[in-house]
């Protein structure tokens, strides 16, 4: 877990690394802000079936496919952390249906008669950390998933009489405890600028539309030489084909007698 935590801090955590390091005894998994994709998370969920808390926030390569696999394999999952970036927030909204309790084609007239195994996945999930949850999603979870507590706040009295786990608090780094005794220089990256907390925005930050426009302009300028080269190649190819198929062109190329 320490190696995975250091790899994450050095921006080296991807599918190959996390799959190679994963162990069945793990109860906590923090892959936040990494390059782990659906494939990597699904494989880890198969290996680490006793995960109790998972942080997939700011993972732009993870979709609802991997979240479904996580819920399917890790039936002891109590704490889930997600969101934190536009792509991860989108995935979180797509996954709300996975969190909602539904019946899996069972027979019975009342909920009291049902065994917990007959209920849908995610029944163990108790705490959800979603920094920028939208109003509609919050209302949906409150109405249809009252058992799941979203963004609990620290309190000496707990939440509704229930003690809030440290891993479920908003500002806690899930894998911090495994690197407490390790020199930070171990994962220091030269020239690395610390990530700004998603809850703090700079007043000088460009609007998202302007960022997209600048990114498009930069990409267009970068590809301009390649487009010009392709156009020249296409023109030369067209001239060769015309010469090869045109009788008049062939006649013009014959030596004069």
C-alpha atoms as a PDB file:
ATOM      1  CA  UNK A   1       0.000   0.000   0.000  1.00  0.00           C
ATOM      2  CA  UNK A   2       2.933   2.326   0.706  1.00  0.00           C
ATOM      3  CA  UNK A   3       4.323   1.709  -2.787  1.00  0.00           C
ATOM      4  CA  UNK A   4       0.923   2.419  -4.329  1.00  0.00           C
ATOM      5  CA  UNK A   5       0.602   5.617  -2.267  1.00  0.00           C
ATOM      6  CA  UNK A   6       4.035   6.834  -3.361  1.00  0.00           C
ATOM      7  CA  UNK A   7       3.328   5.935  -7.002  1.00  0.00           C
ATOM      8  CA  UNK A   8       0.107   7.955  -6.802  1.00  0.00           C
ATOM      9  CA  UNK A   9       1.951  10.967  -5.433  1.00  0.00           C
ATOM     10  CA  UNK A  10       4.585  10.699  -8.158  1.00  0.00           C
ATOM     11  CA  UNK A  11       1.847  10.589 -10.831  1.00  0.00           C
ATOM     12  CA  UNK A  12       2.938   7.065 -11.818  1.00  0.00           C
ATOM     13  CA  UNK A  13      -0.132   5.108 -10.712  1.00  0.00           C
ATOM     14  CA  UNK A  14      -1.830   3.359 -13.631  1.00  0.00           C
ATOM     15  CA  UNK A  15      -3.486   0.017 -14.385  1.00  0.00           C
ATOM     16  CA  UNK A  16      -0.257  -1.986 -14.579  1.00  0.00           C
ATOM     17  CA  UNK A  17       1.113  -0.621 -11.301  1.00  0.00           C
ATOM     18  CA  UNK A  18      -2.037  -0.965  -9.189  1.00  0.00           C
ATOM     19  CA  UNK A  19      -2.795  -4.480 -10.473  1.00  0.00           C
ATOM     20  CA  UNK A  20       0.772  -5.576  -9.735  1.00  0.00           C
ATOM     21  CA  UNK A  21       0.647  -4.203  -6.188  1.00  0.00           C
ATOM     22  CA  UNK A  22      -2.905  -5.131  -5.179  1.00  0.00           C
ATOM     23  CA  UNK A  23      -3.311  -7.680  -2.365  1.00  0.00           C
ATOM     24  CA  UNK A  24      -6.408  -9.463  -1.164  1.00  0.00           C
ATOM     25  CA  UNK A  25      -5.859  -8.208   2.405  1.00  0.00           C
ATOM     26  CA  UNK A  26      -6.378  -4.544   1.466  1.00  0.00           C
ATOM     27  CA  UNK A  27      -9.282  -2.764   3.129  1.00  0.00           C
ATOM     28  CA  UNK A  28      -8.557   0.738   1.796  1.00  0.00           C
ATOM     29  CA  UNK A  29      -7.849   1.810  -1.770  1.00  0.00           C
ATOM     30  CA  UNK A  30      -6.829   5.328  -2.828  1.00  0.00           C
ATOM     31  CA  UNK A  31      -6.316   5.844  -6.566  1.00  0.00           C
ATOM     32  CA  UNK A  32      -7.524   9.448  -6.615  1.00  0.00           C
ATOM     33  CA  UNK A  33      -6.099  11.677  -9.344  1.00  0.00           C
ATOM     34  CA  UNK A  34      -4.378   8.728 -11.027  1.00  0.00           C
ATOM     35  CA  UNK A  35      -4.402   7.228 -14.532  1.00  0.00           C
ATOM     36  CA  UNK A  36      -6.147   4.043 -13.383  1.00  0.00           C
ATOM     37  CA  UNK A  37      -8.937   3.146 -15.801  1.00  0.00           C
ATOM     38  CA  UNK A  38     -11.991   0.873 -15.748  1.00  0.00           C
ATOM     39  CA  UNK A  39      -9.786  -2.131 -16.501  1.00  0.00           C
ATOM     40  CA  UNK A  40      -7.455  -1.511 -13.551  1.00  0.00           C
ATOM     41  CA  UNK A  41     -10.189  -0.803 -11.004  1.00  0.00           C
ATOM     42  CA  UNK A  42     -12.217  -3.838 -12.111  1.00  0.00           C
ATOM     43  CA  UNK A  43      -9.200  -6.130 -11.725  1.00  0.00           C
ATOM     44  CA  UNK A  44      -8.376  -4.701  -8.289  1.00  0.00           C
ATOM     45  CA  UNK A  45     -12.002  -5.168  -7.200  1.00  0.00           C
ATOM     46  CA  UNK A  46     -11.721  -8.852  -8.102  1.00  0.00           C
ATOM     47  CA  UNK A  47      -8.507  -9.188  -6.061  1.00  0.00           C
ATOM     48  CA  UNK A  48      -9.410  -6.991  -3.069  1.00  0.00           C
ATOM     49  CA  UNK A  49     -12.903  -8.208  -2.218  1.00  0.00           C
ATOM     50  CA  UNK A  50     -12.781  -6.924   1.357  1.00  0.00           C
ATOM     51  CA  UNK A  51     -12.308  -3.243   0.561  1.00  0.00           C
ATOM     52  CA  UNK A  52     -14.029  -1.050   3.106  1.00  0.00           C
ATOM     53  CA  UNK A  53     -13.168   2.401   1.734  1.00  0.00           C
ATOM     54  CA  UNK A  54     -12.278   3.497  -1.817  1.00  0.00           C
ATOM     55  CA  UNK A  55     -11.275   6.869  -3.261  1.00  0.00           C
ATOM     56  CA  UNK A  56     -11.718   7.248  -7.040  1.00  0.00           C
ATOM     57  CA  UNK A  57     -12.044  11.038  -7.039  1.00  0.00           C
ATOM     58  CA  UNK A  58     -10.478  12.963  -9.948  1.00  0.00           C
ATOM     59  CA  UNK A  59     -10.054   9.727 -11.945  1.00  0.00           C
ATOM     60  CA  UNK A  60     -11.046  10.827 -15.442  1.00  0.00           C
ATOM     61  CA  UNK A  61     -10.562   7.345 -16.933  1.00  0.00           C
ATOM     62  CA  UNK A  62     -13.028   5.608 -14.621  1.00  0.00           C
ATOM     63  CA  UNK A  63     -16.652   5.260 -15.725  1.00  0.00           C
ATOM     64  CA  UNK A  64     -19.809   3.650 -14.393  1.00  0.00           C
ATOM     65  CA  UNK A  65     -18.604   0.304 -15.801  1.00  0.00           C
ATOM     66  CA  UNK A  66     -15.837   0.015 -13.188  1.00  0.00           C
ATOM     67  CA  UNK A  67     -18.045   1.378 -10.389  1.00  0.00           C
ATOM     68  CA  UNK A  68     -20.546  -1.374 -11.139  1.00  0.00           C
ATOM     69  CA  UNK A  69     -17.761  -3.973 -10.896  1.00  0.00           C
ATOM     70  CA  UNK A  70     -16.559  -2.422  -7.632  1.00  0.00           C
ATOM     71  CA  UNK A  71     -20.007  -2.728  -6.088  1.00  0.00           C
ATOM     72  CA  UNK A  72     -20.442  -6.225  -7.476  1.00  0.00           C
ATOM     73  CA  UNK A  73     -17.228  -7.653  -6.010  1.00  0.00           C
ATOM     74  CA  UNK A  74     -16.693  -5.562  -2.849  1.00  0.00           C
ATOM     75  CA  UNK A  75     -19.796  -6.246  -0.770  1.00  0.00           C
ATOM     76  CA  UNK A  76     -18.187  -4.796   2.382  1.00  0.00           C
ATOM     77  CA  UNK A  77     -17.653  -1.337   0.883  1.00  0.00           C
ATOM     78  CA  UNK A  78     -18.812   1.303   3.374  1.00  0.00           C
ATOM     79  CA  UNK A  79     -17.081   4.495   2.196  1.00  0.00           C
ATOM     80  CA  UNK A  80     -16.843   5.754  -1.386  1.00  0.00           C
ATOM     81  CA  UNK A  81     -15.142   8.976  -2.440  1.00  0.00           C
ATOM     82  CA  UNK A  82     -15.650  10.302  -5.974  1.00  0.00           C
ATOM     83  CA  UNK A  83     -16.147  13.520  -7.975  1.00  0.00           C
ATOM     84  CA  UNK A  84     -13.686  16.382  -7.702  1.00  0.00           C
ATOM     85  CA  UNK A  85     -13.328  17.051 -11.453  1.00  0.00           C
ATOM     86  CA  UNK A  86     -15.854  17.487 -14.301  1.00  0.00           C
ATOM     87  CA  UNK A  87     -15.348  13.982 -15.708  1.00  0.00           C
ATOM     88  CA  UNK A  88     -15.532  12.301 -12.307  1.00  0.00           C
ATOM     89  CA  UNK A  89     -18.619  14.327 -11.381  1.00  0.00           C
ATOM     90  CA  UNK A  90     -20.267  13.154 -14.612  1.00  0.00           C
ATOM     91  CA  UNK A  91     -19.426   9.535 -13.794  1.00  0.00           C
ATOM     92  CA  UNK A  92     -20.836   9.981 -10.282  1.00  0.00           C
ATOM     93  CA  UNK A  93     -24.163  11.194 -11.667  1.00  0.00           C
ATOM     94  CA  UNK A  94     -24.280   8.225 -14.052  1.00  0.00           C
ATOM     95  CA  UNK A  95     -23.714   5.853 -11.117  1.00  0.00           C
ATOM     96  CA  UNK A  96     -26.582   6.999  -8.901  1.00  0.00           C
ATOM     97  CA  UNK A  97     -28.796   4.164 -10.106  1.00  0.00           C
ATOM     98  CA  UNK A  98     -26.168   1.664  -8.934  1.00  0.00           C
ATOM     99  CA  UNK A  99     -26.443   3.004  -5.378  1.00  0.00           C
ATOM    100  CA  UNK A 100     -30.216   2.838  -5.206  1.00  0.00           C
ATOM    101  CA  UNK A 101     -31.629  -0.279  -3.492  1.00  0.00           C
ATOM    102  CA  UNK A 102     -33.780  -2.348  -5.824  1.00  0.00           C
ATOM    103  CA  UNK A 103     -35.198  -5.850  -5.776  1.00  0.00           C
ATOM    104  CA  UNK A 104     -33.530  -8.435  -7.989  1.00  0.00           C
ATOM    105  CA  UNK A 105     -36.609 -10.322  -9.168  1.00  0.00           C
ATOM    106  CA  UNK A 106     -37.467 -11.752  -5.775  1.00  0.00           C
ATOM    107  CA  UNK A 107     -40.779 -12.965  -4.430  1.00  0.00           C
ATOM    108  CA  UNK A 108     -42.350 -11.643  -1.274  1.00  0.00           C
ATOM    109  CA  UNK A 109     -44.907  -9.183  -0.032  1.00  0.00           C
ATOM    110  CA  UNK A 110     -42.771  -7.146   2.340  1.00  0.00           C
ATOM    111  CA  UNK A 111     -39.196  -5.953   2.767  1.00  0.00           C
ATOM    112  CA  UNK A 112     -39.024  -7.607   6.196  1.00  0.00           C
ATOM    113  CA  UNK A 113     -39.340 -11.047   4.572  1.00  0.00           C
ATOM    114  CA  UNK A 114     -36.336 -10.503   2.313  1.00  0.00           C
ATOM    115  CA  UNK A 115     -32.809 -11.627   3.001  1.00  0.00           C
ATOM    116  CA  UNK A 116     -30.075  -9.003   2.510  1.00  0.00           C
ATOM    117  CA  UNK A 117     -28.549 -11.114  -0.272  1.00  0.00           C
ATOM    118  CA  UNK A 118     -31.726 -10.570  -2.274  1.00  0.00           C
ATOM    119  CA  UNK A 119     -31.261  -6.836  -2.332  1.00  0.00           C
ATOM    120  CA  UNK A 120     -29.240  -4.993  -4.923  1.00  0.00           C
ATOM    121  CA  UNK A 121     -25.534  -4.258  -4.592  1.00  0.00           C
ATOM    122  CA  UNK A 122     -24.214  -1.308  -2.540  1.00  0.00           C
ATOM    123  CA  UNK A 123     -26.246  -2.275   0.528  1.00  0.00           C
ATOM    124  CA  UNK A 124     -23.129  -1.946   2.690  1.00  0.00           C
ATOM    125  CA  UNK A 125     -22.359   1.582   1.452  1.00  0.00           C
ATOM    126  CA  UNK A 126     -22.927   4.029   4.269  1.00  0.00           C
ATOM    127  CA  UNK A 127     -20.813   7.128   3.543  1.00  0.00           C
ATOM    128  CA  UNK A 128     -20.420   8.994   0.256  1.00  0.00           C
ATOM    129  CA  UNK A 129     -17.881  11.798  -0.193  1.00  0.00           C
ATOM    130  CA  UNK A 130     -18.706  13.965  -3.217  1.00  0.00           C
ATOM    131  CA  UNK A 131     -17.173  17.490  -2.901  1.00  0.00           C
ATOM    132  CA  UNK A 132     -19.278  19.260  -5.532  1.00  0.00           C
ATOM    133  CA  UNK A 133     -22.470  17.245  -5.534  1.00  0.00           C
ATOM    134  CA  UNK A 134     -25.245  18.972  -7.473  1.00  0.00           C
ATOM    135  CA  UNK A 135     -28.610  19.740  -5.909  1.00  0.00           C
ATOM    136  CA  UNK A 136     -30.585  17.208  -7.978  1.00  0.00           C
ATOM    137  CA  UNK A 137     -28.207  14.356  -7.138  1.00  0.00           C
ATOM    138  CA  UNK A 138     -28.281  15.243  -3.453  1.00  0.00           C
ATOM    139  CA  UNK A 139     -32.076  15.276  -3.412  1.00  0.00           C
ATOM    140  CA  UNK A 140     -32.203  11.967  -5.285  1.00  0.00           C
ATOM    141  CA  UNK A 141     -29.837  10.303  -2.820  1.00  0.00           C
ATOM    142  CA  UNK A 142     -31.666  11.750   0.188  1.00  0.00           C
ATOM    143  CA  UNK A 143     -35.005  10.466  -1.087  1.00  0.00           C
ATOM    144  CA  UNK A 144     -34.070   7.087  -2.544  1.00  0.00           C
ATOM    145  CA  UNK A 145     -30.927   6.219  -0.545  1.00  0.00           C
ATOM    146  CA  UNK A 146     -31.580   7.586   2.957  1.00  0.00           C
ATOM    147  CA  UNK A 147     -29.120   5.090   4.420  1.00  0.00           C
ATOM    148  CA  UNK A 148     -26.215   6.743   2.553  1.00  0.00           C
ATOM    149  CA  UNK A 149     -24.869   9.870   4.267  1.00  0.00           C
ATOM    150  CA  UNK A 150     -23.307  12.406   1.871  1.00  0.00           C
ATOM    151  CA  UNK A 151     -20.342  14.587   2.898  1.00  0.00           C
ATOM    152  CA  UNK A 152     -20.623  14.078   6.684  1.00  0.00           C
ATOM    153  CA  UNK A 153     -19.050  16.793   8.827  1.00  0.00           C
ATOM    154  CA  UNK A 154     -16.802  16.082  11.817  1.00  0.00           C
ATOM    155  CA  UNK A 155     -18.579  16.361  15.133  1.00  0.00           C
ATOM    156  CA  UNK A 156     -17.871  15.121  18.665  1.00  0.00           C
ATOM    157  CA  UNK A 157     -21.457  13.848  18.705  1.00  0.00           C
ATOM    158  CA  UNK A 158     -21.195  12.038  15.384  1.00  0.00           C
ATOM    159  CA  UNK A 159     -23.930  12.108  12.748  1.00  0.00           C
ATOM    160  CA  UNK A 160     -27.389  11.284  14.095  1.00  0.00           C
ATOM    161  CA  UNK A 161     -25.682   9.464  16.915  1.00  0.00           C
ATOM    162  CA  UNK A 162     -23.402   7.498  14.571  1.00  0.00           C
ATOM    163  CA  UNK A 163     -19.652   8.006  14.776  1.00  0.00           C
ATOM    164  CA  UNK A 164     -18.298   9.281  11.458  1.00  0.00           C
ATOM    165  CA  UNK A 165     -15.267   7.294  10.238  1.00  0.00           C
ATOM    166  CA  UNK A 166     -12.181   9.374   9.584  1.00  0.00           C
ATOM    167  CA  UNK A 167     -12.028   8.056   6.005  1.00  0.00           C
ATOM    168  CA  UNK A 168     -15.454   9.611   5.329  1.00  0.00           C
ATOM    169  CA  UNK A 169     -14.416  13.169   6.147  1.00  0.00           C
ATOM    170  CA  UNK A 170     -14.099  15.573   3.223  1.00  0.00           C
ATOM    171  CA  UNK A 171     -10.524  16.794   3.719  1.00  0.00           C
ATOM    172  CA  UNK A 172      -8.957  13.460   4.683  1.00  0.00           C
ATOM    173  CA  UNK A 173      -6.456  11.804   2.319  1.00  0.00           C
ATOM    174  CA  UNK A 174      -7.349   8.134   2.343  1.00  0.00           C
ATOM    175  CA  UNK A 175      -3.818   6.734   2.020  1.00  0.00           C
ATOM    176  CA  UNK A 176      -2.110   9.317   4.248  1.00  0.00           C
ATOM    177  CA  UNK A 177      -1.627   6.901   7.131  1.00  0.00           C
ATOM    178  CA  UNK A 178       0.547   4.529   5.090  1.00  0.00           C
ATOM    179  CA  UNK A 179       3.138   7.210   4.292  1.00  0.00           C
ATOM    180  CA  UNK A 180       3.240   9.044   7.628  1.00  0.00           C
ATOM    181  CA  UNK A 181       6.590   7.499   8.525  1.00  0.00           C
ATOM    182  CA  UNK A 182       8.139   7.964   5.070  1.00  0.00           C
ATOM    183  CA  UNK A 183      10.270  10.964   4.122  1.00  0.00           C
ATOM    184  CA  UNK A 184       8.235  13.155   1.705  1.00  0.00           C
ATOM    185  CA  UNK A 185      11.384  13.515  -0.417  1.00  0.00           C
ATOM    186  CA  UNK A 186      10.751   9.912  -1.470  1.00  0.00           C
ATOM    187  CA  UNK A 187       7.902  11.011  -3.716  1.00  0.00           C
ATOM    188  CA  UNK A 188       8.943  14.610  -4.392  1.00  0.00           C
ATOM    189  CA  UNK A 189       8.859  15.396  -8.109  1.00  0.00           C
ATOM    190  CA  UNK A 190      11.064  18.174  -9.453  1.00  0.00           C
ATOM    191  CA  UNK A 191       9.022  21.073 -10.770  1.00  0.00           C
ATOM    192  CA  UNK A 192       5.766  19.635  -9.469  1.00  0.00           C
ATOM    193  CA  UNK A 193       3.126  22.207  -8.525  1.00  0.00           C
ATOM    194  CA  UNK A 194       0.696  21.058  -5.825  1.00  0.00           C
ATOM    195  CA  UNK A 195      -2.871  20.592  -7.017  1.00  0.00           C
ATOM    196  CA  UNK A 196      -5.282  23.298  -5.925  1.00  0.00           C
ATOM    197  CA  UNK A 197      -8.108  21.960  -3.826  1.00  0.00           C
ATOM    198  CA  UNK A 198     -11.274  21.530  -5.911  1.00  0.00           C
ATOM    199  CA  UNK A 199     -13.204  23.587  -3.368  1.00  0.00           C
ATOM    200  CA  UNK A 200     -10.961  26.614  -3.945  1.00  0.00           C
ATOM    201  CA  UNK A 201     -11.157  28.514  -7.213  1.00  0.00           C
ATOM    202  CA  UNK A 202      -8.901  31.333  -8.353  1.00  0.00           C
ATOM    203  CA  UNK A 203     -10.615  34.622  -9.275  1.00  0.00           C
ATOM    204  CA  UNK A 204      -8.317  34.836 -12.310  1.00  0.00           C
ATOM    205  CA  UNK A 205      -9.172  31.373 -13.594  1.00  0.00           C
ATOM    206  CA  UNK A 206     -10.365  31.295 -17.195  1.00  0.00           C
ATOM    207  CA  UNK A 207     -13.928  30.184 -17.938  1.00  0.00           C
ATOM    208  CA  UNK A 208     -14.224  26.602 -19.123  1.00  0.00           C
ATOM    209  CA  UNK A 209     -15.388  27.700 -22.582  1.00  0.00           C
ATOM    210  CA  UNK A 210     -12.265  29.834 -23.022  1.00  0.00           C
ATOM    211  CA  UNK A 211     -10.072  26.922 -21.912  1.00  0.00           C
ATOM    212  CA  UNK A 212     -11.647  24.714 -24.570  1.00  0.00           C
ATOM    213  CA  UNK A 213     -11.194  27.410 -27.212  1.00  0.00           C
ATOM    214  CA  UNK A 214      -7.513  27.899 -26.364  1.00  0.00           C
ATOM    215  CA  UNK A 215      -6.951  24.146 -26.330  1.00  0.00           C
ATOM    216  CA  UNK A 216      -8.551  23.867 -29.772  1.00  0.00           C
ATOM    217  CA  UNK A 217      -6.425  26.714 -31.154  1.00  0.00           C
ATOM    218  CA  UNK A 218      -3.272  25.145 -29.739  1.00  0.00           C
ATOM    219  CA  UNK A 219      -4.131  21.761 -31.228  1.00  0.00           C
ATOM    220  CA  UNK A 220      -5.017  23.337 -34.581  1.00  0.00           C
ATOM    221  CA  UNK A 221      -1.682  25.180 -34.730  1.00  0.00           C
ATOM    222  CA  UNK A 222       0.201  22.039 -33.752  1.00  0.00           C
ATOM    223  CA  UNK A 223      -1.428  19.991 -36.512  1.00  0.00           C
ATOM    224  CA  UNK A 224      -1.181  22.664 -39.221  1.00  0.00           C
ATOM    225  CA  UNK A 225       2.239  21.490 -40.602  1.00  0.00           C
ATOM    226  CA  UNK A 226       1.011  17.914 -40.762  1.00  0.00           C
ATOM    227  CA  UNK A 227      -2.122  18.959 -42.654  1.00  0.00           C
ATOM    228  CA  UNK A 228      -0.012  20.938 -45.138  1.00  0.00           C
ATOM    229  CA  UNK A 229       2.289  17.954 -45.678  1.00  0.00           C
ATOM    230  CA  UNK A 230      -0.690  15.648 -46.224  1.00  0.00           C
ATOM    231  CA  UNK A 231      -2.166  18.116 -48.714  1.00  0.00           C
ATOM    232  CA  UNK A 232       1.084  18.188 -50.732  1.00  0.00           C
ATOM    233  CA  UNK A 233       1.273  14.409 -50.720  1.00  0.00           C
ATOM    234  CA  UNK A 234      -2.337  14.178 -51.849  1.00  0.00           C
ATOM    235  CA  UNK A 235      -1.690  16.639 -54.678  1.00  0.00           C
ATOM    236  CA  UNK A 236       1.372  14.718 -55.907  1.00  0.00           C
ATOM    237  CA  UNK A 237      -0.552  11.440 -55.734  1.00  0.00           C
ATOM    238  CA  UNK A 238      -3.418  12.934 -57.705  1.00  0.00           C
ATOM    239  CA  UNK A 239      -0.985  14.198 -60.377  1.00  0.00           C
ATOM    240  CA  UNK A 240       0.592  10.755 -60.703  1.00  0.00           C
ATOM    241  CA  UNK A 241      -2.808   9.132 -61.037  1.00  0.00           C
ATOM    242  CA  UNK A 242      -3.849  11.656 -63.677  1.00  0.00           C
ATOM    243  CA  UNK A 243      -0.698  11.026 -65.671  1.00  0.00           C
ATOM    244  CA  UNK A 244      -1.230   7.281 -65.423  1.00  0.00           C
ATOM    245  CA  UNK A 245      -4.835   7.375 -66.583  1.00  0.00           C
ATOM    246  CA  UNK A 246      -4.945  10.292 -69.008  1.00  0.00           C
ATOM    247  CA  UNK A 247      -4.229   9.456 -72.655  1.00  0.00           C
ATOM    248  CA  UNK A 248      -3.526  13.106 -73.404  1.00  0.00           C
ATOM    249  CA  UNK A 249      -0.989  13.258 -70.593  1.00  0.00           C
ATOM    250  CA  UNK A 250       0.690  10.112 -71.916  1.00  0.00           C
ATOM    251  CA  UNK A 251       0.861  11.656 -75.363  1.00  0.00           C
ATOM    252  CA  UNK A 252       2.460  14.790 -73.981  1.00  0.00           C
ATOM    253  CA  UNK A 253       5.095  12.670 -72.240  1.00  0.00           C
ATOM    254  CA  UNK A 254       6.041  10.742 -75.501  1.00  0.00           C
ATOM    255  CA  UNK A 255       9.246  11.967 -77.213  1.00  0.00           C
ATOM    256  CA  UNK A 256       8.702  14.083 -80.357  1.00  0.00           C
ATOM    257  CA  UNK A 257       9.692  12.412 -83.633  1.00  0.00           C
END
